Amino acid sequence: MASSNQPSYGKREEEYRSIARRVMSERDVKDALEALQDRFQRLQFMFEDCVEVHKQRMEKRRLRKEELKTERKVNLVTIVSLLVLITSFLVRFARIVVIGNYSSSVEQDQIQTYPNSLSN
């Protein structure tokens, strides 16, 4: 009788099962089977190791991209801040130059117009 987990090979099932048992009981077959199982386990370990390395690299890449984004934002804020500072100093300097020239020209006009008023 064929069990539910083994396939049926025809009319001589018992003979086929005994052949399979004899073959599987031979030392060379057992050794080959154990060697294959060992290789399979090593390959699984190598695969899992490769998957872990890949995940680590992807995480490092993601973190590096985030770091670069943050660095770019800091650089942009620094540049904008410097531009604002430089512009404000230039505006102040321009006011001083314009007001200074204006006041000195007003004083010159007053001196020419009212020479006696300044000397008193």
PDB file of N, CA and C in Angstrom:
ATOM      1  N   MET A   1       0.818  -1.169   0.000  1.00  0.00           N
ATOM      2  CA  MET A   1       0.000   0.000   0.000  1.00  0.00           C
ATOM      3  C   MET A   1       0.868   1.240   0.000  1.00  0.00           C
ATOM      4  N   ALA A   2       0.441   2.191  -0.754  1.00  0.00           N
ATOM      5  CA  ALA A   2       1.172   3.446  -0.856  1.00  0.00           C
ATOM      6  C   ALA A   2       0.700   4.382   0.254  1.00  0.00           C
ATOM      7  N   SER A   3       1.688   4.982   0.934  1.00  0.00           N
ATOM      8  CA  SER A   3       1.313   5.954   1.959  1.00  0.00           C
ATOM      9  C   SER A   3       0.974   7.281   1.295  1.00  0.00           C
ATOM     10  N   SER A   4       0.352   8.172   2.058  1.00  0.00           N
ATOM     11  CA  SER A   4      -0.156   9.413   1.475  1.00  0.00           C
ATOM     12  C   SER A   4       0.958  10.375   1.088  1.00  0.00           C
ATOM     13  N   ASN A   5       2.144  10.285   1.736  1.00  0.00           N
ATOM     14  CA  ASN A   5       3.214  11.213   1.405  1.00  0.00           C
ATOM     15  C   ASN A   5       4.198  10.674   0.371  1.00  0.00           C
ATOM     16  N   GLN A   6       4.086   9.423  -0.019  1.00  0.00           N
ATOM     17  CA  GLN A   6       4.978   8.856  -1.037  1.00  0.00           C
ATOM     18  C   GLN A   6       4.186   8.588  -2.306  1.00  0.00           C
ATOM     19  N   PRO A   7       4.805   8.875  -3.455  1.00  0.00           N
ATOM     20  CA  PRO A   7       4.102   8.640  -4.721  1.00  0.00           C
ATOM     21  C   PRO A   7       3.983   7.144  -5.036  1.00  0.00           C
ATOM     22  N   SER A   8       3.036   6.798  -5.811  1.00  0.00           N
ATOM     23  CA  SER A   8       2.827   5.417  -6.238  1.00  0.00           C
ATOM     24  C   SER A   8       3.563   5.203  -7.559  1.00  0.00           C
ATOM     25  N   TYR A   9       4.350   4.092  -7.663  1.00  0.00           N
ATOM     26  CA  TYR A   9       5.162   3.855  -8.854  1.00  0.00           C
ATOM     27  C   TYR A   9       4.637   2.729  -9.729  1.00  0.00           C
ATOM     28  N   GLY A  10       3.509   2.289  -9.539  1.00  0.00           N
ATOM     29  CA  GLY A  10       2.979   1.210 -10.362  1.00  0.00           C
ATOM     30  C   GLY A  10       2.563   0.024  -9.513  1.00  0.00           C
ATOM     31  N   LYS A  11       2.622  -1.203 -10.119  1.00  0.00           N
ATOM     32  CA  LYS A  11       2.122  -2.400  -9.449  1.00  0.00           C
ATOM     33  C   LYS A  11       3.110  -2.967  -8.441  1.00  0.00           C
ATOM     34  N   ARG A  12       4.394  -2.737  -8.596  1.00  0.00           N
ATOM     35  CA  ARG A  12       5.377  -3.336  -7.689  1.00  0.00           C
ATOM     36  C   ARG A  12       5.896  -2.302  -6.679  1.00  0.00           C
ATOM     37  N   GLU A  13       4.985  -1.714  -5.942  1.00  0.00           N
ATOM     38  CA  GLU A  13       5.336  -0.651  -5.003  1.00  0.00           C
ATOM     39  C   GLU A  13       6.284  -1.130  -3.918  1.00  0.00           C
ATOM     40  N   GLU A  14       6.061  -2.298  -3.357  1.00  0.00           N
ATOM     41  CA  GLU A  14       6.926  -2.814  -2.296  1.00  0.00           C
ATOM     42  C   GLU A  14       8.342  -3.031  -2.797  1.00  0.00           C
ATOM     43  N   GLU A  15       8.482  -3.542  -3.978  1.00  0.00           N
ATOM     44  CA  GLU A  15       9.817  -3.765  -4.549  1.00  0.00           C
ATOM     45  C   GLU A  15      10.530  -2.434  -4.757  1.00  0.00           C
ATOM     46  N   TYR A  16       9.822  -1.451  -5.245  1.00  0.00           N
ATOM     47  CA  TYR A  16      10.422  -0.123  -5.467  1.00  0.00           C
ATOM     48  C   TYR A  16      10.843   0.503  -4.136  1.00  0.00           C
ATOM     49  N   ARG A  17      10.014   0.354  -3.104  1.00  0.00           N
ATOM     50  CA  ARG A  17      10.356   0.904  -1.796  1.00  0.00           C
ATOM     51  C   ARG A  17      11.601   0.236  -1.220  1.00  0.00           C
ATOM     52  N   SER A  18      11.705  -1.078  -1.370  1.00  0.00           N
ATOM     53  CA  SER A  18      12.886  -1.783  -0.838  1.00  0.00           C
ATOM     54  C   SER A  18      14.146  -1.349  -1.584  1.00  0.00           C
ATOM     55  N   ILE A  19      14.045  -1.111  -2.899  1.00  0.00           N
ATOM     56  CA  ILE A  19      15.202  -0.618  -3.665  1.00  0.00           C
ATOM     57  C   ILE A  19      15.596   0.770  -3.157  1.00  0.00           C
ATOM     58  N   ALA A  20      14.610   1.613  -2.952  1.00  0.00           N
ATOM     59  CA  ALA A  20      14.886   2.971  -2.457  1.00  0.00           C
ATOM     60  C   ALA A  20      15.536   2.908  -1.073  1.00  0.00           C
ATOM     61  N   ARG A  21      15.080   2.008  -0.199  1.00  0.00           N
ATOM     62  CA  ARG A  21      15.678   1.869   1.132  1.00  0.00           C
ATOM     63  C   ARG A  21      17.114   1.394   1.043  1.00  0.00           C
ATOM     64  N   ARG A  22      17.380   0.434   0.160  1.00  0.00           N
ATOM     65  CA  ARG A  22      18.744  -0.074   0.000  1.00  0.00           C
ATOM     66  C   ARG A  22      19.681   1.011  -0.543  1.00  0.00           C
ATOM     67  N   VAL A  23      19.183   1.749  -1.518  1.00  0.00           N
ATOM     68  CA  VAL A  23      20.025   2.808  -2.098  1.00  0.00           C
ATOM     69  C   VAL A  23      20.315   3.875  -1.036  1.00  0.00           C
ATOM     70  N   MET A  24      19.282   4.271  -0.291  1.00  0.00           N
ATOM     71  CA  MET A  24      19.464   5.310   0.707  1.00  0.00           C
ATOM     72  C   MET A  24      20.295   4.816   1.890  1.00  0.00           C
ATOM     73  N   SER A  25      20.375   3.523   2.097  1.00  0.00           N
ATOM     74  CA  SER A  25      21.164   3.000   3.198  1.00  0.00           C
ATOM     75  C   SER A  25      22.632   2.823   2.813  1.00  0.00           C
ATOM     76  N   GLU A  26      22.993   2.927   1.559  1.00  0.00           N
ATOM     77  CA  GLU A  26      24.396   2.797   1.144  1.00  0.00           C
ATOM     78  C   GLU A  26      25.197   3.979   1.670  1.00  0.00           C
ATOM     79  N   ARG A  27      26.401   3.697   2.059  1.00  0.00           N
ATOM     80  CA  ARG A  27      27.281   4.700   2.687  1.00  0.00           C
ATOM     81  C   ARG A  27      27.576   5.866   1.742  1.00  0.00           C
ATOM     82  N   ASP A  28      27.859   5.573   0.480  1.00  0.00           N
ATOM     83  CA  ASP A  28      28.189   6.645  -0.468  1.00  0.00           C
ATOM     84  C   ASP A  28      27.007   7.601  -0.667  1.00  0.00           C
ATOM     85  N   VAL A  29      25.823   7.039  -0.746  1.00  0.00           N
ATOM     86  CA  VAL A  29      24.642   7.874  -0.937  1.00  0.00           C
ATOM     87  C   VAL A  29      24.418   8.741   0.303  1.00  0.00           C
ATOM     88  N   LYS A  30      24.575   8.139   1.487  1.00  0.00           N
ATOM     89  CA  LYS A  30      24.422   8.902   2.724  1.00  0.00           C
ATOM     90  C   LYS A  30      25.449  10.039   2.794  1.00  0.00           C
ATOM     91  N   ASP A  31      26.696   9.711   2.455  1.00  0.00           N
ATOM     92  CA  ASP A  31      27.744  10.737   2.499  1.00  0.00           C
ATOM     93  C   ASP A  31      27.463  11.855   1.492  1.00  0.00           C
ATOM     94  N   ALA A  32      27.042  11.480   0.305  1.00  0.00           N
ATOM     95  CA  ALA A  32      26.736  12.493  -0.708  1.00  0.00           C
ATOM     96  C   ALA A  32      25.571  13.364  -0.262  1.00  0.00           C
ATOM     97  N   LEU A  33      24.566  12.732   0.330  1.00  0.00           N
ATOM     98  CA  LEU A  33      23.409  13.474   0.817  1.00  0.00           C
ATOM     99  C   LEU A  33      23.806  14.438   1.942  1.00  0.00           C
ATOM    100  N   GLU A  34      24.625  13.978   2.863  1.00  0.00           N
ATOM    101  CA  GLU A  34      25.091  14.846   3.940  1.00  0.00           C
ATOM    102  C   GLU A  34      25.938  16.000   3.398  1.00  0.00           C
ATOM    103  N   ALA A  35      26.771  15.708   2.409  1.00  0.00           N
ATOM    104  CA  ALA A  35      27.605  16.754   1.800  1.00  0.00           C
ATOM    105  C   ALA A  35      26.727  17.803   1.122  1.00  0.00           C
ATOM    106  N   LEU A  36      25.698  17.339   0.422  1.00  0.00           N
ATOM    107  CA  LEU A  36      24.785  18.277  -0.233  1.00  0.00           C
ATOM    108  C   LEU A  36      24.028  19.127   0.790  1.00  0.00           C
ATOM    109  N   GLN A  37      23.607  18.494   1.873  1.00  0.00           N
ATOM    110  CA  GLN A  37      22.910  19.253   2.917  1.00  0.00           C
ATOM    111  C   GLN A  37      23.837  20.289   3.550  1.00  0.00           C
ATOM    112  N   ASP A  38      25.087  19.906   3.766  1.00  0.00           N
ATOM    113  CA  ASP A  38      26.066  20.835   4.327  1.00  0.00           C
ATOM    114  C   ASP A  38      26.307  22.011   3.382  1.00  0.00           C
ATOM    115  N   ARG A  39      26.456  21.717   2.108  1.00  0.00           N
ATOM    116  CA  ARG A  39      26.644  22.782   1.109  1.00  0.00           C
ATOM    117  C   ARG A  39      25.438  23.723   1.074  1.00  0.00           C
ATOM    118  N   PHE A  40      24.265  23.096   1.130  1.00  0.00           N
ATOM    119  CA  PHE A  40      23.045  23.902   1.102  1.00  0.00           C
ATOM    120  C   PHE A  40      22.992  24.841   2.313  1.00  0.00           C
ATOM    121  N   GLN A  41      23.354  24.349   3.486  1.00  0.00           N
ATOM    122  CA  GLN A  41      23.361  25.185   4.687  1.00  0.00           C
ATOM    123  C   GLN A  41      24.370  26.330   4.556  1.00  0.00           C
ATOM    124  N   ARG A  42      25.550  26.019   4.004  1.00  0.00           N
ATOM    125  CA  ARG A  42      26.552  27.081   3.804  1.00  0.00           C
ATOM    126  C   ARG A  42      26.060  28.120   2.812  1.00  0.00           C
ATOM    127  N   LEU A  43      25.419  27.663   1.749  1.00  0.00           N
ATOM    128  CA  LEU A  43      24.876  28.604   0.768  1.00  0.00           C
ATOM    129  C   LEU A  43      23.787  29.478   1.386  1.00  0.00           C
ATOM    130  N   GLN A  44      22.951  28.892   2.219  1.00  0.00           N
ATOM    131  CA  GLN A  44      21.929  29.680   2.910  1.00  0.00           C
ATOM    132  C   GLN A  44      22.576  30.721   3.817  1.00  0.00           C
ATOM    133  N   PHE A  45      23.624  30.320   4.536  1.00  0.00           N
ATOM    134  CA  PHE A  45      24.323  31.258   5.410  1.00  0.00           C
ATOM    135  C   PHE A  45      24.934  32.394   4.590  1.00  0.00           C
ATOM    136  N   MET A  46      25.571  32.052   3.473  1.00  0.00           N
ATOM    137  CA  MET A  46      26.174  33.070   2.613  1.00  0.00           C
ATOM    138  C   MET A  46      25.106  34.011   2.062  1.00  0.00           C
ATOM    139  N   PHE A  47      23.988  33.459   1.669  1.00  0.00           N
ATOM    140  CA  PHE A  47      22.892  34.272   1.148  1.00  0.00           C
ATOM    141  C   PHE A  47      22.388  35.250   2.207  1.00  0.00           C
ATOM    142  N   GLU A  48      22.155  34.743   3.406  1.00  0.00           N
ATOM    143  CA  GLU A  48      21.681  35.605   4.493  1.00  0.00           C
ATOM    144  C   GLU A  48      22.701  36.695   4.811  1.00  0.00           C
ATOM    145  N   ASP A  49      23.983  36.328   4.760  1.00  0.00           N
ATOM    146  CA  ASP A  49      25.041  37.304   5.001  1.00  0.00           C
ATOM    147  C   ASP A  49      25.038  38.386   3.913  1.00  0.00           C
ATOM    148  N   CYS A  50      24.882  37.967   2.662  1.00  0.00           N
ATOM    149  CA  CYS A  50      24.828  38.930   1.557  1.00  0.00           C
ATOM    150  C   CYS A  50      23.613  39.849   1.680  1.00  0.00           C
ATOM    151  N   VAL A  51      22.494  39.304   2.072  1.00  0.00           N
ATOM    152  CA  VAL A  51      21.292  40.118   2.250  1.00  0.00           C
ATOM    153  C   VAL A  51      21.525  41.155   3.347  1.00  0.00           C
ATOM    154  N   GLU A  52      22.148  40.742   4.434  1.00  0.00           N
ATOM    155  CA  GLU A  52      22.437  41.663   5.540  1.00  0.00           C
ATOM    156  C   GLU A  52      23.401  42.771   5.096  1.00  0.00           C
ATOM    157  N   VAL A  53      24.433  42.408   4.361  1.00  0.00           N
ATOM    158  CA  VAL A  53      25.384  43.411   3.859  1.00  0.00           C
ATOM    159  C   VAL A  53      24.676  44.384   2.923  1.00  0.00           C
ATOM    160  N   HIS A  54      23.814  43.856   2.074  1.00  0.00           N
ATOM    161  CA  HIS A  54      23.067  44.725   1.153  1.00  0.00           C
ATOM    162  C   HIS A  54      22.189  45.705   1.924  1.00  0.00           C
ATOM    163  N   LYS A  55      21.496  45.228   2.943  1.00  0.00           N
ATOM    164  CA  LYS A  55      20.645  46.100   3.758  1.00  0.00           C
ATOM    165  C   LYS A  55      21.475  47.183   4.440  1.00  0.00           C
ATOM    166  N   GLN A  56      22.643  46.805   4.958  1.00  0.00           N
ATOM    167  CA  GLN A  56      23.512  47.784   5.619  1.00  0.00           C
ATOM    168  C   GLN A  56      23.973  48.855   4.630  1.00  0.00           C
ATOM    169  N   ARG A  57      24.341  48.436   3.425  1.00  0.00           N
ATOM    170  CA  ARG A  57      24.777  49.403   2.413  1.00  0.00           C
ATOM    171  C   ARG A  57      23.654  50.349   2.023  1.00  0.00           C
ATOM    172  N   MET A  58      22.463  49.812   1.877  1.00  0.00           N
ATOM    173  CA  MET A  58      21.326  50.659   1.518  1.00  0.00           C
ATOM    174  C   MET A  58      21.028  51.658   2.642  1.00  0.00           C
ATOM    175  N   GLU A  59      21.147  51.223   3.884  1.00  0.00           N
ATOM    176  CA  GLU A  59      20.920  52.114   5.018  1.00  0.00           C
ATOM    177  C   GLU A  59      21.989  53.208   5.068  1.00  0.00           C
ATOM    178  N   LYS A  60      23.244  52.821   4.831  1.00  0.00           N
ATOM    179  CA  LYS A  60      24.321  53.819   4.791  1.00  0.00           C
ATOM    180  C   LYS A  60      24.089  54.827   3.673  1.00  0.00           C
ATOM    181  N   ARG A  61      23.659  54.336   2.527  1.00  0.00           N
ATOM    182  CA  ARG A  61      23.381  55.215   1.389  1.00  0.00           C
ATOM    183  C   ARG A  61      22.255  56.194   1.724  1.00  0.00           C
ATOM    184  N   ARG A  62      21.207  55.707   2.377  1.00  0.00           N
ATOM    185  CA  ARG A  62      20.083  56.552   2.764  1.00  0.00           C
ATOM    186  C   ARG A  62      20.527  57.619   3.762  1.00  0.00           C
ATOM    187  N   LEU A  63      21.325  57.199   4.744  1.00  0.00           N
ATOM    188  CA  LEU A  63      21.817  58.149   5.739  1.00  0.00           C
ATOM    189  C   LEU A  63      22.733  59.197   5.106  1.00  0.00           C
ATOM    190  N   ARG A  64      23.552  58.778   4.158  1.00  0.00           N
ATOM    191  CA  ARG A  64      24.452  59.718   3.471  1.00  0.00           C
ATOM    192  C   ARG A  64      23.648  60.738   2.664  1.00  0.00           C
ATOM    193  N   LYS A  65      22.579  60.286   2.014  1.00  0.00           N
ATOM    194  CA  LYS A  65      21.735  61.215   1.262  1.00  0.00           C
ATOM    195  C   LYS A  65      21.088  62.232   2.197  1.00  0.00           C
ATOM    196  N   GLU A  66      20.614  61.772   3.344  1.00  0.00           N
ATOM    197  CA  GLU A  66      20.023  62.684   4.323  1.00  0.00           C
ATOM    198  C   GLU A  66      21.063  63.689   4.820  1.00  0.00           C
ATOM    199  N   GLU A  67      22.265  63.192   5.060  1.00  0.00           N
ATOM    200  CA  GLU A  67      23.345  64.057   5.525  1.00  0.00           C
ATOM    201  C   GLU A  67      23.669  65.132   4.479  1.00  0.00           C
ATOM    202  N   LEU A  68      23.724  64.730   3.224  1.00  0.00           N
ATOM    203  CA  LEU A  68      23.998  65.689   2.153  1.00  0.00           C
ATOM    204  C   LEU A  68      22.882  66.727   2.035  1.00  0.00           C
ATOM    205  N   LYS A  69      21.641  66.284   2.187  1.00  0.00           N
ATOM    206  CA  LYS A  69      20.511  67.225   2.154  1.00  0.00           C
ATOM    207  C   LYS A  69      20.644  68.258   3.261  1.00  0.00           C
ATOM    208  N   THR A  70      20.944  67.797   4.460  1.00  0.00           N
ATOM    209  CA  THR A  70      21.098  68.698   5.595  1.00  0.00           C
ATOM    210  C   THR A  70      22.262  69.662   5.363  1.00  0.00           C
ATOM    211  N   GLU A  71      23.348  69.128   4.837  1.00  0.00           N
ATOM    212  CA  GLU A  71      24.517  69.963   4.556  1.00  0.00           C
ATOM    213  C   GLU A  71      24.181  71.047   3.528  1.00  0.00           C
ATOM    214  N   ARG A  72      23.443  70.681   2.498  1.00  0.00           N
ATOM    215  CA  ARG A  72      23.044  71.664   1.484  1.00  0.00           C
ATOM    216  C   ARG A  72      22.156  72.743   2.095  1.00  0.00           C
ATOM    217  N   LYS A  73      21.226  72.338   2.978  1.00  0.00           N
ATOM    218  CA  LYS A  73      20.351  73.315   3.624  1.00  0.00           C
ATOM    219  C   LYS A  73      21.158  74.285   4.484  1.00  0.00           C
ATOM    220  N   VAL A  74      22.115  73.771   5.237  1.00  0.00           N
ATOM    221  CA  VAL A  74      22.959  74.624   6.071  1.00  0.00           C
ATOM    222  C   VAL A  74      23.751  75.591   5.198  1.00  0.00           C
ATOM    223  N   ASN A  75      24.305  75.099   4.104  1.00  0.00           N
ATOM    224  CA  ASN A  75      25.049  75.965   3.191  1.00  0.00           C
ATOM    225  C   ASN A  75      24.153  77.055   2.613  1.00  0.00           C
ATOM    226  N   LEU A  76      22.958  76.698   2.233  1.00  0.00           N
ATOM    227  CA  LEU A  76      22.026  77.674   1.670  1.00  0.00           C
ATOM    228  C   LEU A  76      21.670  78.746   2.692  1.00  0.00           C
ATOM    229  N   VAL A  77      21.384  78.331   3.919  1.00  0.00           N
ATOM    230  CA  VAL A  77      21.051  79.296   4.970  1.00  0.00           C
ATOM    231  C   VAL A  77      22.240  80.220   5.233  1.00  0.00           C
ATOM    232  N   THR A  78      23.436  79.667   5.244  1.00  0.00           N
ATOM    233  CA  THR A  78      24.639  80.480   5.463  1.00  0.00           C
ATOM    234  C   THR A  78      24.819  81.499   4.355  1.00  0.00           C
ATOM    235  N   ILE A  79      24.664  81.080   3.120  1.00  0.00           N
ATOM    236  CA  ILE A  79      24.839  81.987   1.984  1.00  0.00           C
ATOM    237  C   ILE A  79      23.794  83.095   2.005  1.00  0.00           C
ATOM    238  N   VAL A  80      22.546  82.737   2.263  1.00  0.00           N
ATOM    239  CA  VAL A  80      21.476  83.751   2.314  1.00  0.00           C
ATOM    240  C   VAL A  80      21.736  84.731   3.449  1.00  0.00           C
ATOM    241  N   SER A  81      22.155  84.223   4.603  1.00  0.00           N
ATOM    242  CA  SER A  81      22.453  85.103   5.738  1.00  0.00           C
ATOM    243  C   SER A  81      23.580  86.066   5.397  1.00  0.00           C
ATOM    244  N   LEU A  82      24.621  85.562   4.765  1.00  0.00           N
ATOM    245  CA  LEU A  82      25.725  86.438   4.373  1.00  0.00           C
ATOM    246  C   LEU A  82      25.269  87.487   3.365  1.00  0.00           C
ATOM    247  N   LEU A  83      24.442  87.093   2.430  1.00  0.00           N
ATOM    248  CA  LEU A  83      23.936  88.064   1.449  1.00  0.00           C
ATOM    249  C   LEU A  83      23.108  89.148   2.129  1.00  0.00           C
ATOM    250  N   VAL A  84      22.285  88.779   3.096  1.00  0.00           N
ATOM    251  CA  VAL A  84      21.482  89.763   3.822  1.00  0.00           C
ATOM    252  C   VAL A  84      22.391  90.718   4.593  1.00  0.00           C
ATOM    253  N   LEU A  85      23.403  90.182   5.265  1.00  0.00           N
ATOM    254  CA  LEU A  85      24.332  91.031   6.013  1.00  0.00           C
ATOM    255  C   LEU A  85      25.082  91.988   5.096  1.00  0.00           C
ATOM    256  N   ILE A  86      25.610  91.474   4.012  1.00  0.00           N
ATOM    257  CA  ILE A  86      26.360  92.306   3.071  1.00  0.00           C
ATOM    258  C   ILE A  86      25.466  93.391   2.490  1.00  0.00           C
ATOM    259  N   THR A  87      24.249  93.018   2.133  1.00  0.00           N
ATOM    260  CA  THR A  87      23.311  94.004   1.577  1.00  0.00           C
ATOM    261  C   THR A  87      22.998  95.085   2.596  1.00  0.00           C
ATOM    262  N   SER A  88      22.768  94.701   3.853  1.00  0.00           N
ATOM    263  CA  SER A  88      22.463  95.711   4.870  1.00  0.00           C
ATOM    264  C   SER A  88      23.652  96.639   5.094  1.00  0.00           C
ATOM    265  N   PHE A  89      24.867  96.128   5.092  1.00  0.00           N
ATOM    266  CA  PHE A  89      26.043  96.986   5.245  1.00  0.00           C
ATOM    267  C   PHE A  89      26.211  97.910   4.041  1.00  0.00           C
ATOM    268  N   LEU A  90      25.947  97.387   2.856  1.00  0.00           N
ATOM    269  CA  LEU A  90      26.048  98.235   1.659  1.00  0.00           C
ATOM    270  C   LEU A  90      25.011  99.352   1.684  1.00  0.00           C
ATOM    271  N   VAL A  91      23.799  99.055   2.132  1.00  0.00           N
ATOM    272  CA  VAL A  91      22.751 100.075   2.227  1.00  0.00           C
ATOM    273  C   VAL A  91      23.158 101.131   3.257  1.00  0.00           C
ATOM    274  N   ARG A  92      23.660 100.692   4.404  1.00  0.00           N
ATOM    275  CA  ARG A  92      24.119 101.651   5.418  1.00  0.00           C
ATOM    276  C   ARG A  92      25.255 102.514   4.895  1.00  0.00           C
ATOM    277  N   PHE A  93      26.195 101.905   4.215  1.00  0.00           N
ATOM    278  CA  PHE A  93      27.331 102.651   3.662  1.00  0.00           C
ATOM    279  C   PHE A  93      26.844 103.658   2.629  1.00  0.00           C
ATOM    280  N   ALA A  94      25.915 103.224   1.777  1.00  0.00           N
ATOM    281  CA  ALA A  94      25.382 104.130   0.762  1.00  0.00           C
ATOM    282  C   ALA A  94      24.656 105.296   1.422  1.00  0.00           C
ATOM    283  N   ARG A  95      23.921 105.059   2.495  1.00  0.00           N
ATOM    284  CA  ARG A  95      23.238 106.142   3.210  1.00  0.00           C
ATOM    285  C   ARG A  95      24.248 107.125   3.789  1.00  0.00           C
ATOM    286  N   ILE A  96      25.295 106.590   4.387  1.00  0.00           N
ATOM    287  CA  ILE A  96      26.319 107.452   4.974  1.00  0.00           C
ATOM    288  C   ILE A  96      26.976 108.307   3.903  1.00  0.00           C
ATOM    289  N   VAL A  97      27.306 107.681   2.779  1.00  0.00           N
ATOM    290  CA  VAL A  97      27.957 108.413   1.694  1.00  0.00           C
ATOM    291  C   VAL A  97      27.017 109.473   1.141  1.00  0.00           C
ATOM    292  N   VAL A  98      25.776 109.106   0.885  1.00  0.00           N
ATOM    293  CA  VAL A  98      24.821 110.058   0.305  1.00  0.00           C
ATOM    294  C   VAL A  98      24.492 111.152   1.309  1.00  0.00           C
ATOM    295  N   ILE A  99      24.183 110.820   2.541  1.00  0.00           N
ATOM    296  CA  ILE A  99      23.850 111.812   3.555  1.00  0.00           C
ATOM    297  C   ILE A  99      25.075 112.649   3.887  1.00  0.00           C
ATOM    298  N   GLY A 100      26.220 112.026   3.978  1.00  0.00           N
ATOM    299  CA  GLY A 100      27.456 112.757   4.248  1.00  0.00           C
ATOM    300  C   GLY A 100      27.745 113.772   3.155  1.00  0.00           C
ATOM    301  N   ASN A 101      27.607 113.387   1.886  1.00  0.00           N
ATOM    302  CA  ASN A 101      27.832 114.315   0.780  1.00  0.00           C
ATOM    303  C   ASN A 101      26.757 115.390   0.781  1.00  0.00           C
ATOM    304  N   TYR A 102      25.531 114.994   1.091  1.00  0.00           N
ATOM    305  CA  TYR A 102      24.441 115.961   1.102  1.00  0.00           C
ATOM    306  C   TYR A 102      24.663 116.990   2.203  1.00  0.00           C
ATOM    307  N   SER A 103      25.024 116.530   3.390  1.00  0.00           N
ATOM    308  CA  SER A 103      25.219 117.467   4.499  1.00  0.00           C
ATOM    309  C   SER A 103      26.424 118.363   4.257  1.00  0.00           C
ATOM    310  N   SER A 104      27.478 117.812   3.681  1.00  0.00           N
ATOM    311  CA  SER A 104      28.638 118.655   3.412  1.00  0.00           C
ATOM    312  C   SER A 104      28.327 119.680   2.320  1.00  0.00           C
ATOM    313  N   SER A 105      27.500 119.301   1.341  1.00  0.00           N
ATOM    314  CA  SER A 105      27.139 120.278   0.305  1.00  0.00           C
ATOM    315  C   SER A 105      26.196 121.336   0.869  1.00  0.00           C
ATOM    316  N   VAL A 106      25.337 120.974   1.832  1.00  0.00           N
ATOM    317  CA  VAL A 106      24.451 121.942   2.478  1.00  0.00           C
ATOM    318  C   VAL A 106      25.289 122.920   3.290  1.00  0.00           C
ATOM    319  N   GLU A 107      26.289 122.383   4.001  1.00  0.00           N
ATOM    320  CA  GLU A 107      27.158 123.262   4.774  1.00  0.00           C
ATOM    321  C   GLU A 107      27.897 124.231   3.862  1.00  0.00           C
ATOM    322  N   GLN A 108      28.344 123.747   2.720  1.00  0.00           N
ATOM    323  CA  GLN A 108      29.047 124.617   1.771  1.00  0.00           C
ATOM    324  C   GLN A 108      28.109 125.703   1.270  1.00  0.00           C
ATOM    325  N   ASP A 109      26.866 125.351   1.008  1.00  0.00           N
ATOM    326  CA  ASP A 109      25.892 126.350   0.545  1.00  0.00           C
ATOM    327  C   ASP A 109      25.642 127.393   1.636  1.00  0.00           C
ATOM    328  N   GLN A 110      25.550 126.920   2.878  1.00  0.00           N
ATOM    329  CA  GLN A 110      25.309 127.849   3.982  1.00  0.00           C
ATOM    330  C   GLN A 110      26.493 128.798   4.156  1.00  0.00           C
ATOM    331  N   ILE A 111      27.692 128.267   3.996  1.00  0.00           N
ATOM    332  CA  ILE A 111      28.875 129.109   4.141  1.00  0.00           C
ATOM    333  C   ILE A 111      28.887 130.182   3.061  1.00  0.00           C
ATOM    334  N   GLN A 112      28.567 129.769   1.839  1.00  0.00           N
ATOM    335  CA  GLN A 112      28.578 130.740   0.745  1.00  0.00           C
ATOM    336  C   GLN A 112      27.416 131.723   0.867  1.00  0.00           C
ATOM    337  N   THR A 113      26.279 131.259   1.333  1.00  0.00           N
ATOM    338  CA  THR A 113      25.114 132.114   1.413  1.00  0.00           C
ATOM    339  C   THR A 113      25.174 133.037   2.626  1.00  0.00           C
ATOM    340  N   TYR A 114      25.544 132.478   3.747  1.00  0.00           N
ATOM    341  CA  TYR A 114      25.558 133.236   5.010  1.00  0.00           C
ATOM    342  C   TYR A 114      26.953 133.200   5.633  1.00  0.00           C
ATOM    343  N   PRO A 115      27.902 133.867   5.090  1.00  0.00           N
ATOM    344  CA  PRO A 115      29.244 133.773   5.625  1.00  0.00           C
ATOM    345  C   PRO A 115      29.354 134.379   7.030  1.00  0.00           C
ATOM    346  N   ASN A 116      28.584 135.361   7.355  1.00  0.00           N
ATOM    347  CA  ASN A 116      28.689 135.993   8.660  1.00  0.00           C
ATOM    348  C   ASN A 116      27.979 135.213   9.753  1.00  0.00           C
ATOM    349  N   SER A 117      26.979 134.428   9.420  1.00  0.00           N
ATOM    350  CA  SER A 117      26.206 133.709  10.438  1.00  0.00           C
ATOM    351  C   SER A 117      27.013 132.574  11.057  1.00  0.00           C
ATOM    352  N   LEU A 118      27.919 131.977  10.294  1.00  0.00           N
ATOM    353  CA  LEU A 118      28.690 130.869  10.821  1.00  0.00           C
ATOM    354  C   LEU A 118      29.842 131.338  11.706  1.00  0.00           C
ATOM    355  N   SER A 119      30.335 132.480  11.453  1.00  0.00           N
ATOM    356  CA  SER A 119      31.481 132.944  12.218  1.00  0.00           C
ATOM    357  C   SER A 119      31.082 133.449  13.592  1.00  0.00           C
ATOM    358  N   ASN A 120      29.838 133.786  13.808  1.00  0.00           N
ATOM    359  CA  ASN A 120      29.383 134.313  15.101  1.00  0.00           C
ATOM    360  C   ASN A 120      29.239 133.239  16.068  1.00  0.00           C
TER     361      ASN A 120
END
